[in-house]
Each structure stands twice: as structure tokens, then as C-alpha cells.
Amino acid sequence: MTDRAPLRSIQRRNRIAKLNLGSIAPRYFFESGMFSHLNPLRSVVAEMAMPASYADEPSGLRPLRTVGPFLRGNLRTLSRRVMYSYFVLSFLFASIELCNGIPLVTFGLLSGICHWWESAMDGTLVAAGMVMLRALPLILGIQFTLRWLHFDISTEPHRPIHSYLESERIAGSDGPDQVRTRRQP
């Protein structure tokens, strides 16, 4: 019988050792910053229920003051994650979809709004073909961006690394179900 618990703790320690703990944001953005630093390591984070006990202490959180820093921090970590995952580490078909989707959506929206505004100010009607010329980039851009988003969501890791270690086959085992696990007392 082999105990895989030391392998799990070593794997977790190795993951934490790879983190740059000095660059993780302090205070309220700590959890989001930790998640953004664990993402390139393909780590899975499990939520644990923990009761909060504040007694008579007042909360130091001011929601209106934290909206701006949270928005800036989340946008910064999103842009870092996208650049790192889709352009630095590897260039996938999803990278091409993202590179085409965002400019097409932007162009479709801006040109459509500009031409709508011009026709509304002049009081002239626009031909259906011109409307479709403005709508087509927008529709294609939304489709490309949705395909990229689907790929991004579907490639998120769902199974922790240590569960792969627990279920790996022992070399030399004869049967398909012969996996050595630790017996609970």
C-alpha cells in the first residue's frame, strides 16, 4: 500500500512556490489576484465553507469605494490572462477568432451607429443592402467572440492535479482495477 498524500502536498507546495506572492494584491482584491496567478499554472481551486464571525466589529468594506479598484483589477487580470494564454504560451485557432471578433464587433458597431446617425439627421431612408453591410461585421464579430468565449470556458481545468496522481496506475499491475490506494482506518 502506498500513501499518495505526500505527493498531493508536494504538488500543492510546488504550485505555491511557483507563485510570485509579492505581486498578489493585498486587501479585498487578494482572492481575485490569487485566482489570476493560479490560472497560468492550470490549478483548480475548491471552495471551502467557512463561517464568518464578526461579533460587534464594523465592516471596513466600503462598496462604492471598491467598485473602481475591483473593475480595474479584474480588467487588468483578464487582459493579462488572455495575452498570456492565447498569444504568449500558444497561438490557437481561438486566438484568431478573438483577433477577428473584437475588431469586427467594434467596426460593425461604430459604422452602424455613424450611418444610422447620418440617416436620422438627414431624414433619408437607407437601403436594406447598406443596413446588411453594417450588420454583417457585427454579426460575424459576435459569432467569433462567442466561439472564443466557448473555447475559453471549455478549456478551464476541472480536475485537480493530485486527483490524477491518485488515480494513476501502478507500474506492473495486472488488472485494470488494480490501483493501490490508502486504506482508511
Protein backbone atom coordinates (compact mmCIF):
# COMPACT_ATOMS: atom_id res chain seq x y z
CA MET A 1 0.00 0.00 0.00
CA THR A 2 1.29 3.43 -0.89
CA ASP A 3 0.20 6.72 0.55
CA ARG A 4 -0.37 9.42 -2.07
CA ALA A 5 -0.94 12.24 0.47
CA PRO A 6 2.74 13.32 0.42
CA LEU A 7 2.56 13.58 -3.38
CA ARG A 8 -0.51 15.79 -3.10
CA SER A 9 1.12 18.10 -0.57
CA ILE A 10 4.33 18.25 -2.62
CA GLN A 11 2.30 19.12 -5.72
CA ARG A 12 0.47 21.86 -3.81
CA ARG A 13 3.74 23.21 -2.38
CA ASN A 14 5.26 23.23 -5.86
CA ARG A 15 2.31 25.24 -7.15
CA ILE A 16 2.57 27.77 -4.33
CA ALA A 17 6.34 28.00 -4.81
CA LYS A 18 5.76 28.98 -8.46
CA LEU A 19 3.56 31.92 -7.44
CA ASN A 20 5.02 35.39 -7.14
CA LEU A 21 3.43 36.14 -3.77
CA GLY A 22 4.73 39.72 -3.79
CA SER A 23 2.67 40.59 -6.87
CA ILE A 24 -0.65 39.37 -5.44
CA ALA A 25 -2.85 42.29 -4.50
CA PRO A 26 -3.43 42.96 -0.80
CA ARG A 27 -6.71 43.60 0.97
CA TYR A 28 -10.04 43.00 -0.79
CA PHE A 29 -8.63 42.05 -4.21
CA PHE A 30 -6.49 39.27 -2.70
CA GLU A 31 -8.74 36.37 -3.75
CA SER A 32 -9.18 37.60 -7.33
CA GLY A 33 -5.45 38.23 -7.57
CA MET A 34 -4.70 34.74 -6.27
CA PHE A 35 -7.07 33.19 -8.84
CA SER A 36 -5.45 35.13 -11.67
CA HIS A 37 -1.99 33.93 -10.60
CA LEU A 38 -3.14 30.31 -10.28
CA ASN A 39 -4.73 30.27 -13.75
CA PRO A 40 -1.50 30.02 -15.81
CA LEU A 41 -0.49 27.09 -13.59
CA ARG A 42 -3.77 25.37 -14.58
CA SER A 43 -4.67 24.94 -10.92
CA VAL A 44 -8.14 24.04 -9.73
CA VAL A 45 -9.43 25.91 -6.71
CA ALA A 46 -12.09 24.35 -4.48
CA GLU A 47 -14.36 26.44 -2.32
CA MET A 48 -14.49 25.59 1.36
CA ALA A 49 -17.32 26.76 3.56
CA MET A 50 -16.05 28.79 6.47
CA PRO A 51 -18.32 30.56 8.92
CA ALA A 52 -17.63 34.26 9.37
CA SER A 53 -17.73 35.68 12.85
CA TYR A 54 -17.59 39.45 13.17
CA ALA A 55 -19.23 39.93 16.59
CA ASP A 56 -19.63 43.70 17.13
CA GLU A 57 -16.87 44.76 14.74
CA PRO A 58 -17.86 47.19 11.99
CA SER A 59 -17.04 46.21 8.43
CA GLY A 60 -14.15 48.05 6.81
CA LEU A 61 -15.52 47.43 3.32
CA ARG A 62 -16.90 50.47 1.51
CA PRO A 63 -18.65 49.06 -1.58
CA LEU A 64 -18.72 52.29 -3.58
CA ARG A 65 -15.01 52.88 -2.98
CA THR A 66 -14.05 49.36 -4.05
CA VAL A 67 -16.00 49.26 -7.34
CA GLY A 68 -13.31 51.19 -9.22
CA PRO A 69 -10.31 49.21 -7.93
CA PHE A 70 -12.12 45.89 -8.47
CA LEU A 71 -13.10 46.84 -12.02
CA ARG A 72 -9.55 47.99 -12.85
CA GLY A 73 -8.01 44.93 -11.23
CA ASN A 74 -10.35 42.47 -12.96
CA LEU A 75 -9.86 44.12 -16.37
CA ARG A 76 -6.07 44.10 -15.88
CA THR A 77 -6.01 40.43 -14.87
CA LEU A 78 -8.36 39.50 -17.73
CA SER A 79 -6.15 41.21 -20.29
CA ARG A 80 -3.02 39.59 -18.80
CA ARG A 81 -4.63 36.15 -18.81
CA VAL A 82 -5.83 36.47 -22.41
CA MET A 83 -2.47 37.74 -23.65
CA TYR A 84 -0.54 35.11 -21.72
CA SER A 85 -2.81 32.16 -22.53
CA TYR A 86 -3.63 32.90 -26.17
CA PHE A 87 -0.63 34.80 -27.53
CA VAL A 88 2.46 34.16 -25.37
CA LEU A 89 2.17 30.46 -24.46
CA SER A 90 0.43 29.30 -27.60
CA PHE A 91 -1.34 30.66 -30.64
CA LEU A 92 -4.54 28.71 -31.15
CA PHE A 93 -7.49 28.95 -33.52
CA ALA A 94 -9.29 30.67 -30.65
CA SER A 95 -6.61 33.38 -30.81
CA ILE A 96 -7.52 34.02 -34.45
CA GLU A 97 -11.22 34.13 -33.52
CA LEU A 98 -10.50 36.68 -30.81
CA CYS A 99 -8.26 38.76 -33.12
CA ASN A 100 -11.04 38.87 -35.72
CA GLY A 101 -14.05 39.06 -33.39
CA ILE A 102 -13.25 42.17 -31.38
CA PRO A 103 -12.31 44.39 -34.37
CA LEU A 104 -15.36 43.19 -36.34
CA VAL A 105 -17.70 43.97 -33.45
CA THR A 106 -16.08 47.38 -32.96
CA PHE A 107 -16.20 48.22 -36.67
CA GLY A 108 -19.80 47.00 -37.03
CA LEU A 109 -20.99 48.98 -34.05
CA LEU A 110 -19.17 52.19 -34.91
CA SER A 111 -20.02 52.22 -38.62
CA GLY A 112 -23.62 51.21 -37.93
CA ILE A 113 -24.08 53.95 -35.33
CA CYS A 114 -22.42 56.57 -37.54
CA HIS A 115 -24.54 55.73 -40.61
CA TRP A 116 -27.71 55.48 -38.54
CA TRP A 117 -26.97 58.91 -37.05
CA GLU A 118 -26.33 60.40 -40.50
CA SER A 119 -29.56 59.00 -41.92
CA ALA A 120 -31.52 60.10 -38.85
CA MET A 121 -30.17 63.67 -39.16
CA ASP A 122 -30.80 63.84 -42.93
CA GLY A 123 -34.17 62.14 -42.68
CA THR A 124 -33.30 59.79 -45.53
CA LEU A 125 -34.04 56.10 -45.77
CA VAL A 126 -31.19 53.63 -46.10
CA ALA A 127 -31.32 50.68 -48.48
CA ALA A 128 -31.54 47.19 -47.00
CA GLY A 129 -28.20 46.25 -48.57
CA MET A 130 -26.46 49.11 -46.77
CA VAL A 131 -28.01 48.01 -43.48
CA MET A 132 -26.72 44.48 -44.06
CA LEU A 133 -23.25 45.80 -44.92
CA ARG A 134 -23.20 47.42 -41.49
CA ALA A 135 -24.77 44.44 -39.69
CA LEU A 136 -22.64 41.69 -41.23
CA PRO A 137 -19.35 42.61 -39.48
CA LEU A 138 -21.24 42.95 -36.20
CA ILE A 139 -22.88 39.53 -36.58
CA LEU A 140 -19.63 37.83 -37.60
CA GLY A 141 -17.71 39.56 -34.82
CA ILE A 142 -20.21 38.42 -32.21
CA GLN A 143 -20.02 34.85 -33.56
CA PHE A 144 -16.20 34.85 -33.46
CA THR A 145 -16.17 36.29 -29.95
CA LEU A 146 -18.75 33.75 -28.73
CA ARG A 147 -16.73 30.88 -30.21
CA TRP A 148 -13.61 32.18 -28.44
CA LEU A 149 -15.55 32.50 -25.18
CA HIS A 150 -16.86 28.95 -25.54
CA PHE A 151 -13.33 27.66 -26.12
CA ASP A 152 -12.00 29.63 -23.14
CA ILE A 153 -14.67 28.27 -20.81
CA SER A 154 -14.37 24.68 -22.06
CA THR A 155 -10.58 24.56 -21.58
CA GLU A 156 -10.63 25.52 -17.92
CA PRO A 157 -9.27 22.70 -15.75
CA HIS A 158 -11.92 20.85 -13.77
CA ARG A 159 -9.89 18.15 -12.08
CA PRO A 160 -7.06 18.87 -9.63
CA ILE A 161 -3.58 17.61 -10.44
CA HIS A 162 -3.44 15.48 -7.29
CA SER A 163 -6.52 13.52 -8.38
CA TYR A 164 -4.55 12.45 -11.46
CA LEU A 165 -1.77 11.31 -9.15
CA GLU A 166 -4.22 9.31 -7.01
CA SER A 167 -5.75 7.50 -9.97
CA GLU A 168 -2.59 6.70 -11.90
CA ARG A 169 -1.89 3.05 -12.40
CA ILE A 170 0.90 1.36 -10.51
CA ALA A 171 3.50 0.01 -12.92
CA GLY A 172 3.29 -3.78 -13.15
CA SER A 173 -0.36 -4.14 -12.05
CA ASP A 174 -2.16 -6.92 -13.90
CA GLY A 175 -5.81 -5.91 -13.86
CA PRO A 176 -7.49 -2.69 -14.96
CA ASP A 177 -8.94 -2.12 -11.48
CA GLN A 178 -5.74 -2.71 -9.56
CA VAL A 179 -4.90 0.76 -8.35
CA ARG A 180 -3.21 1.00 -5.00
CA THR A 181 -4.90 3.35 -2.63
CA ARG A 182 -4.55 4.08 1.05
CA ARG A 183 -6.97 2.26 3.32
CA GLN A 184 -8.83 4.37 5.84
CA PRO A 185 -8.57 3.12 9.44
